[in-house]
Amino acid sequence: REKFDVRWHIEPGVEGVPSIKLLLQPLLENSLYHGSRPLQGRHGLIKIKARMDEGHLSLSISDNGVGMSKERLRELRKRLENAEDQSSHIGVFNTQKRLQLFYNEDYKFKLYSKQGQGTLIKIRLPKHPESAP
């Protein structure tokens, strides 16, 4: 209770752009579980942004949580690239896999993090996917 805030910044024109269902839910859950929950004495903040960028839908989810070390981030990125199973951060892996299945190569999914400062996920999707979700 009152341990974190969520701020939404949705630019006009984004509302009608289709995307896969439950795209943000597992990523927000990861921000809470892995980022904000372990905070000790700090108030958590999660920001969700959506905007149009050169005909693409750009989404970002960031938190001010505990973040990851450079080594852990490098390992996680490598596992995402190689589509390796992961027992932790399941939301990130499942979301990336769903994006890959639906959008083929026509999407971007990037993960950034700094230990002690938080994590940022950026997603870029085509405005008009070949088929509706």
N, C-alpha and C. Protein backbone atom coordinates (compact mmCIF):
# COMPACT_ATOMS: atom_id res chain seq x y z
N ARG A 1 0.83 -1.17 0.00
CA ARG A 1 0.00 0.00 0.00
C ARG A 1 0.88 1.24 0.00
N GLU A 2 0.65 2.10 -0.96
CA GLU A 2 1.37 3.35 -1.11
C GLU A 2 2.89 3.15 -1.18
N LYS A 3 3.33 2.04 -1.78
CA LYS A 3 4.75 1.78 -1.91
C LYS A 3 5.28 2.16 -3.28
N PHE A 4 4.37 2.43 -4.22
CA PHE A 4 4.80 2.83 -5.55
C PHE A 4 3.70 3.64 -6.23
N ASP A 5 4.11 4.40 -7.23
CA ASP A 5 3.19 5.16 -8.07
C ASP A 5 3.39 4.71 -9.51
N VAL A 6 2.35 4.88 -10.30
CA VAL A 6 2.42 4.59 -11.74
C VAL A 6 2.02 5.87 -12.47
N ARG A 7 2.84 6.27 -13.42
CA ARG A 7 2.54 7.46 -14.23
C ARG A 7 2.43 7.04 -15.68
N TRP A 8 1.33 7.44 -16.29
CA TRP A 8 1.07 7.13 -17.69
C TRP A 8 1.25 8.40 -18.52
N HIS A 9 1.93 8.29 -19.64
CA HIS A 9 2.03 9.40 -20.59
C HIS A 9 1.71 8.81 -21.97
N ILE A 10 0.46 9.00 -22.38
CA ILE A 10 -0.02 8.45 -23.65
C ILE A 10 -0.32 9.62 -24.58
N GLU A 11 0.43 9.71 -25.66
CA GLU A 11 0.23 10.81 -26.61
C GLU A 11 -1.03 10.56 -27.44
N PRO A 12 -1.70 11.64 -27.85
CA PRO A 12 -2.89 11.50 -28.70
C PRO A 12 -2.55 10.75 -29.99
N GLY A 13 -3.50 9.94 -30.46
CA GLY A 13 -3.31 9.19 -31.69
C GLY A 13 -2.83 7.77 -31.48
N VAL A 14 -2.45 7.44 -30.27
CA VAL A 14 -1.94 6.10 -29.97
C VAL A 14 -3.08 5.12 -29.70
N GLU A 15 -4.20 5.63 -29.23
CA GLU A 15 -5.30 4.78 -28.77
C GLU A 15 -5.78 3.77 -29.81
N GLY A 16 -5.78 4.12 -31.07
CA GLY A 16 -6.32 3.23 -32.10
C GLY A 16 -5.31 2.27 -32.72
N VAL A 17 -4.08 2.30 -32.28
CA VAL A 17 -3.05 1.45 -32.87
C VAL A 17 -3.12 0.06 -32.25
N PRO A 18 -3.31 -0.98 -33.07
CA PRO A 18 -3.43 -2.33 -32.52
C PRO A 18 -2.09 -2.88 -32.04
N SER A 19 -2.15 -3.71 -31.02
CA SER A 19 -0.98 -4.45 -30.54
C SER A 19 -1.48 -5.76 -29.94
N ILE A 20 -0.55 -6.61 -29.57
CA ILE A 20 -0.97 -7.88 -28.99
C ILE A 20 -1.58 -7.64 -27.60
N LYS A 21 -2.49 -8.50 -27.23
CA LYS A 21 -3.17 -8.37 -25.94
C LYS A 21 -2.19 -8.62 -24.80
N LEU A 22 -2.45 -7.96 -23.69
CA LEU A 22 -1.67 -8.11 -22.46
C LEU A 22 -0.17 -7.90 -22.69
N LEU A 23 0.15 -6.96 -23.55
CA LEU A 23 1.55 -6.66 -23.84
C LEU A 23 2.26 -6.06 -22.62
N LEU A 24 1.63 -5.13 -21.95
CA LEU A 24 2.27 -4.43 -20.84
C LEU A 24 2.18 -5.15 -19.51
N GLN A 25 1.16 -5.95 -19.31
CA GLN A 25 0.91 -6.55 -17.99
C GLN A 25 2.10 -7.32 -17.44
N PRO A 26 2.71 -8.24 -18.16
CA PRO A 26 3.84 -8.98 -17.56
C PRO A 26 5.06 -8.09 -17.31
N LEU A 27 5.24 -7.05 -18.11
CA LEU A 27 6.37 -6.15 -17.93
C LEU A 27 6.16 -5.28 -16.69
N LEU A 28 4.93 -4.83 -16.49
CA LEU A 28 4.62 -4.07 -15.27
C LEU A 28 4.75 -4.95 -14.03
N GLU A 29 4.32 -6.18 -14.15
CA GLU A 29 4.45 -7.12 -13.04
C GLU A 29 5.93 -7.34 -12.70
N ASN A 30 6.77 -7.45 -13.73
CA ASN A 30 8.21 -7.60 -13.49
C ASN A 30 8.79 -6.36 -12.81
N SER A 31 8.33 -5.17 -13.24
CA SER A 31 8.80 -3.93 -12.60
C SER A 31 8.47 -3.93 -11.11
N LEU A 32 7.29 -4.42 -10.79
CA LEU A 32 6.89 -4.48 -9.38
C LEU A 32 7.68 -5.53 -8.62
N TYR A 33 7.73 -6.73 -9.17
CA TYR A 33 8.33 -7.86 -8.46
C TYR A 33 9.85 -7.73 -8.34
N HIS A 34 10.51 -7.42 -9.45
CA HIS A 34 11.98 -7.39 -9.46
C HIS A 34 12.55 -6.00 -9.19
N GLY A 35 11.78 -4.95 -9.46
CA GLY A 35 12.31 -3.60 -9.31
C GLY A 35 11.87 -2.91 -8.04
N SER A 36 10.56 -2.74 -7.86
CA SER A 36 10.05 -1.93 -6.75
C SER A 36 9.93 -2.69 -5.44
N ARG A 37 9.57 -3.95 -5.50
CA ARG A 37 9.36 -4.71 -4.27
C ARG A 37 10.61 -4.77 -3.39
N PRO A 38 11.79 -4.98 -3.97
CA PRO A 38 12.99 -5.04 -3.12
C PRO A 38 13.49 -3.69 -2.60
N LEU A 39 12.88 -2.59 -3.03
CA LEU A 39 13.32 -1.27 -2.55
C LEU A 39 13.14 -1.18 -1.04
N GLN A 40 14.15 -0.68 -0.40
CA GLN A 40 14.07 -0.53 1.05
C GLN A 40 14.13 0.95 1.38
N GLY A 41 13.01 1.48 1.87
CA GLY A 41 12.97 2.87 2.26
C GLY A 41 12.78 3.85 1.12
N ARG A 42 12.67 3.37 -0.11
CA ARG A 42 12.43 4.25 -1.26
C ARG A 42 11.05 3.97 -1.82
N HIS A 43 10.43 5.02 -2.31
CA HIS A 43 9.12 4.91 -2.94
C HIS A 43 9.32 4.51 -4.41
N GLY A 44 8.64 3.49 -4.87
CA GLY A 44 8.76 3.03 -6.25
C GLY A 44 7.99 3.91 -7.22
N LEU A 45 8.52 4.04 -8.43
CA LEU A 45 7.86 4.79 -9.48
C LEU A 45 7.98 4.03 -10.79
N ILE A 46 6.86 3.75 -11.41
CA ILE A 46 6.82 3.08 -12.71
C ILE A 46 6.21 4.07 -13.70
N LYS A 47 6.89 4.23 -14.84
CA LYS A 47 6.39 5.13 -15.89
C LYS A 47 6.11 4.32 -17.14
N ILE A 48 4.94 4.57 -17.72
CA ILE A 48 4.55 3.94 -18.98
C ILE A 48 4.32 5.06 -19.98
N LYS A 49 5.01 4.96 -21.12
CA LYS A 49 4.86 5.98 -22.15
C LYS A 49 4.51 5.31 -23.47
N ALA A 50 3.67 5.98 -24.25
CA ALA A 50 3.30 5.51 -25.59
C ALA A 50 3.21 6.71 -26.51
N ARG A 51 3.84 6.57 -27.68
CA ARG A 51 3.80 7.66 -28.66
C ARG A 51 4.01 7.08 -30.05
N MET A 52 3.64 7.88 -31.05
CA MET A 52 3.91 7.50 -32.43
C MET A 52 5.25 8.09 -32.83
N ASP A 53 6.05 7.30 -33.55
CA ASP A 53 7.38 7.72 -33.96
C ASP A 53 7.64 7.19 -35.36
N GLU A 54 7.58 8.09 -36.34
CA GLU A 54 7.85 7.73 -37.74
C GLU A 54 7.04 6.51 -38.19
N GLY A 55 5.76 6.52 -37.88
CA GLY A 55 4.87 5.44 -38.32
C GLY A 55 4.93 4.19 -37.46
N HIS A 56 5.62 4.25 -36.36
CA HIS A 56 5.70 3.11 -35.45
C HIS A 56 5.17 3.52 -34.07
N LEU A 57 4.66 2.54 -33.35
CA LEU A 57 4.23 2.74 -31.98
C LEU A 57 5.44 2.49 -31.08
N SER A 58 5.81 3.50 -30.31
CA SER A 58 6.92 3.37 -29.36
C SER A 58 6.37 3.32 -27.95
N LEU A 59 6.72 2.27 -27.23
CA LEU A 59 6.29 2.08 -25.86
C LEU A 59 7.51 2.00 -24.97
N SER A 60 7.40 2.51 -23.76
CA SER A 60 8.47 2.33 -22.79
C SER A 60 7.88 2.11 -21.41
N ILE A 61 8.53 1.25 -20.67
CA ILE A 61 8.17 0.96 -19.28
C ILE A 61 9.44 1.12 -18.48
N SER A 62 9.43 2.03 -17.52
CA SER A 62 10.62 2.24 -16.70
C SER A 62 10.25 2.23 -15.23
N ASP A 63 11.24 1.88 -14.41
CA ASP A 63 11.04 1.93 -12.97
C ASP A 63 12.30 2.49 -12.32
N ASN A 64 12.15 2.93 -11.10
CA ASN A 64 13.29 3.44 -10.33
C ASN A 64 13.74 2.41 -9.31
N GLY A 65 13.58 1.15 -9.67
CA GLY A 65 13.86 0.05 -8.75
C GLY A 65 15.33 -0.24 -8.57
N VAL A 66 15.61 -1.46 -8.15
CA VAL A 66 16.98 -1.86 -7.80
C VAL A 66 17.87 -2.06 -9.02
N GLY A 67 17.28 -2.24 -10.21
CA GLY A 67 18.07 -2.41 -11.42
C GLY A 67 18.88 -3.69 -11.42
N MET A 68 19.79 -3.79 -12.39
CA MET A 68 20.64 -4.98 -12.54
C MET A 68 22.08 -4.55 -12.73
N SER A 69 22.97 -5.43 -12.36
CA SER A 69 24.38 -5.19 -12.63
C SER A 69 24.63 -5.30 -14.13
N LYS A 70 25.76 -4.78 -14.60
CA LYS A 70 26.11 -4.88 -16.02
C LYS A 70 26.19 -6.34 -16.44
N GLU A 71 26.74 -7.17 -15.59
CA GLU A 71 26.89 -8.59 -15.91
C GLU A 71 25.53 -9.27 -16.05
N ARG A 72 24.63 -9.00 -15.11
CA ARG A 72 23.29 -9.60 -15.15
C ARG A 72 22.53 -9.12 -16.39
N LEU A 73 22.64 -7.84 -16.70
CA LEU A 73 21.98 -7.28 -17.88
C LEU A 73 22.53 -7.92 -19.14
N ARG A 74 23.83 -8.06 -19.23
CA ARG A 74 24.47 -8.70 -20.40
C ARG A 74 23.98 -10.14 -20.56
N GLU A 75 23.90 -10.87 -19.45
CA GLU A 75 23.43 -12.25 -19.47
C GLU A 75 21.97 -12.33 -19.92
N LEU A 76 21.15 -11.45 -19.40
CA LEU A 76 19.73 -11.43 -19.76
C LEU A 76 19.54 -11.10 -21.24
N ARG A 77 20.27 -10.11 -21.73
CA ARG A 77 20.19 -9.77 -23.16
C ARG A 77 20.63 -10.95 -24.03
N LYS A 78 21.69 -11.63 -23.63
CA LYS A 78 22.18 -12.79 -24.39
C LYS A 78 21.13 -13.89 -24.43
N ARG A 79 20.50 -14.15 -23.30
CA ARG A 79 19.46 -15.18 -23.24
C ARG A 79 18.26 -14.79 -24.10
N LEU A 80 17.92 -13.50 -24.12
CA LEU A 80 16.83 -13.04 -24.98
C LEU A 80 17.17 -13.24 -26.46
N GLU A 81 18.39 -12.89 -26.85
CA GLU A 81 18.82 -13.06 -28.25
C GLU A 81 18.81 -14.52 -28.68
N ASN A 82 19.21 -15.40 -27.78
CA ASN A 82 19.30 -16.83 -28.11
C ASN A 82 18.03 -17.60 -27.79
N ALA A 83 17.01 -16.88 -27.35
CA ALA A 83 15.71 -17.48 -27.02
C ALA A 83 15.85 -18.61 -26.01
N GLU A 84 16.79 -18.44 -25.07
CA GLU A 84 16.97 -19.45 -24.02
C GLU A 84 15.88 -19.28 -22.97
N ASP A 85 15.49 -20.41 -22.39
CA ASP A 85 14.52 -20.36 -21.29
C ASP A 85 15.13 -19.66 -20.09
N GLN A 86 14.28 -19.05 -19.32
CA GLN A 86 14.73 -18.31 -18.15
C GLN A 86 13.75 -18.55 -17.03
N SER A 87 14.24 -18.89 -15.85
CA SER A 87 13.33 -19.14 -14.74
C SER A 87 12.91 -17.85 -14.04
N SER A 88 13.76 -16.82 -14.10
CA SER A 88 13.35 -15.52 -13.56
C SER A 88 13.11 -14.58 -14.73
N HIS A 89 12.46 -13.49 -14.46
CA HIS A 89 12.10 -12.52 -15.50
C HIS A 89 11.26 -13.17 -16.60
N ILE A 90 10.37 -14.05 -16.20
CA ILE A 90 9.53 -14.78 -17.15
C ILE A 90 8.70 -13.81 -17.99
N GLY A 91 8.23 -12.72 -17.39
CA GLY A 91 7.43 -11.75 -18.13
C GLY A 91 8.18 -11.15 -19.30
N VAL A 92 9.46 -10.85 -19.11
CA VAL A 92 10.28 -10.29 -20.19
C VAL A 92 10.43 -11.31 -21.30
N PHE A 93 10.76 -12.55 -20.95
CA PHE A 93 10.97 -13.59 -21.95
C PHE A 93 9.68 -13.91 -22.71
N ASN A 94 8.58 -14.05 -21.99
CA ASN A 94 7.32 -14.36 -22.65
C ASN A 94 6.86 -13.23 -23.56
N THR A 95 7.03 -12.00 -23.13
CA THR A 95 6.64 -10.86 -23.95
C THR A 95 7.48 -10.78 -25.21
N GLN A 96 8.79 -10.93 -25.07
CA GLN A 96 9.67 -10.89 -26.23
C GLN A 96 9.32 -12.02 -27.21
N LYS A 97 9.03 -13.21 -26.71
CA LYS A 97 8.68 -14.35 -27.55
C LYS A 97 7.35 -14.10 -28.28
N ARG A 98 6.38 -13.54 -27.59
CA ARG A 98 5.09 -13.23 -28.21
C ARG A 98 5.24 -12.18 -29.30
N LEU A 99 6.07 -11.15 -29.04
CA LEU A 99 6.32 -10.14 -30.06
C LEU A 99 6.98 -10.76 -31.28
N GLN A 100 7.92 -11.64 -31.06
CA GLN A 100 8.62 -12.31 -32.15
C GLN A 100 7.65 -13.16 -32.98
N LEU A 101 6.78 -13.89 -32.31
CA LEU A 101 5.82 -14.75 -33.02
C LEU A 101 4.83 -13.93 -33.83
N PHE A 102 4.37 -12.81 -33.27
CA PHE A 102 3.35 -12.02 -33.96
C PHE A 102 3.92 -11.09 -35.03
N TYR A 103 5.04 -10.42 -34.71
CA TYR A 103 5.57 -9.40 -35.60
C TYR A 103 6.75 -9.86 -36.45
N ASN A 104 7.18 -11.11 -36.29
CA ASN A 104 8.38 -11.61 -36.98
C ASN A 104 9.57 -10.73 -36.63
N GLU A 105 10.17 -10.12 -37.62
CA GLU A 105 11.33 -9.25 -37.39
C GLU A 105 10.95 -7.77 -37.35
N ASP A 106 9.66 -7.47 -37.48
CA ASP A 106 9.21 -6.09 -37.60
C ASP A 106 8.86 -5.47 -36.23
N TYR A 107 9.76 -5.62 -35.28
CA TYR A 107 9.59 -5.02 -33.96
C TYR A 107 10.97 -4.85 -33.33
N LYS A 108 11.02 -4.05 -32.28
CA LYS A 108 12.25 -3.93 -31.49
C LYS A 108 11.88 -4.06 -30.03
N PHE A 109 12.71 -4.74 -29.29
CA PHE A 109 12.52 -4.96 -27.86
C PHE A 109 13.89 -4.79 -27.21
N LYS A 110 14.06 -3.70 -26.47
CA LYS A 110 15.37 -3.40 -25.87
C LYS A 110 15.24 -3.24 -24.37
N LEU A 111 16.24 -3.73 -23.70
CA LEU A 111 16.26 -3.74 -22.24
C LEU A 111 17.49 -2.98 -21.76
N TYR A 112 17.29 -2.04 -20.84
CA TYR A 112 18.37 -1.26 -20.25
C TYR A 112 18.21 -1.30 -18.73
N SER A 113 19.31 -1.27 -18.02
CA SER A 113 19.22 -1.26 -16.57
C SER A 113 20.53 -0.79 -15.95
N LYS A 114 20.42 -0.14 -14.80
CA LYS A 114 21.59 0.25 -14.01
C LYS A 114 21.31 -0.14 -12.57
N GLN A 115 22.26 -0.82 -12.00
CA GLN A 115 22.10 -1.25 -10.63
C GLN A 115 21.90 -0.04 -9.71
N GLY A 116 20.87 -0.12 -8.88
CA GLY A 116 20.56 0.95 -7.96
C GLY A 116 19.75 2.10 -8.55
N GLN A 117 19.51 2.06 -9.89
CA GLN A 117 18.78 3.16 -10.53
C GLN A 117 17.50 2.73 -11.22
N GLY A 118 17.41 1.49 -11.64
CA GLY A 118 16.17 1.04 -12.26
C GLY A 118 16.38 0.37 -13.60
N THR A 119 15.25 0.07 -14.24
CA THR A 119 15.23 -0.66 -15.50
C THR A 119 14.30 0.04 -16.48
N LEU A 120 14.65 -0.04 -17.76
CA LEU A 120 13.86 0.54 -18.84
C LEU A 120 13.70 -0.49 -19.93
N ILE A 121 12.48 -0.68 -20.40
CA ILE A 121 12.20 -1.54 -21.55
C ILE A 121 11.59 -0.66 -22.63
N LYS A 122 12.16 -0.74 -23.83
CA LYS A 122 11.63 0.00 -24.97
C LYS A 122 11.14 -1.00 -26.02
N ILE A 123 9.94 -0.73 -26.52
CA ILE A 123 9.33 -1.58 -27.55
C ILE A 123 8.92 -0.68 -28.71
N ARG A 124 9.19 -1.14 -29.91
CA ARG A 124 8.79 -0.40 -31.12
C ARG A 124 8.05 -1.38 -32.02
N LEU A 125 6.82 -1.01 -32.37
CA LEU A 125 5.94 -1.87 -33.16
C LEU A 125 5.48 -1.14 -34.42
N PRO A 126 5.20 -1.89 -35.48
CA PRO A 126 4.64 -1.25 -36.67
C PRO A 126 3.24 -0.73 -36.38
N LYS A 127 2.89 0.37 -37.01
CA LYS A 127 1.55 0.95 -36.81
C LYS A 127 0.47 0.03 -37.36
N HIS A 128 0.75 -0.61 -38.48
CA HIS A 128 -0.23 -1.48 -39.13
C HIS A 128 0.36 -2.88 -39.31
N PRO A 129 0.22 -3.75 -38.29
CA PRO A 129 0.72 -5.10 -38.48
C PRO A 129 -0.05 -5.81 -39.58
N GLU A 130 0.54 -6.84 -40.14
CA GLU A 130 -0.08 -7.56 -41.27
C GLU A 130 -1.47 -8.09 -40.94
N SER A 131 -1.64 -8.56 -39.72
CA SER A 131 -2.98 -9.04 -39.32
C SER A 131 -3.29 -8.52 -37.93
N ALA A 132 -4.55 -8.36 -37.65
CA ALA A 132 -4.96 -7.84 -36.34
C ALA A 132 -4.73 -8.89 -35.27
N PRO A 133 -4.40 -8.47 -34.05
CA PRO A 133 -4.17 -9.41 -32.95
C PRO A 133 -5.44 -10.16 -32.57
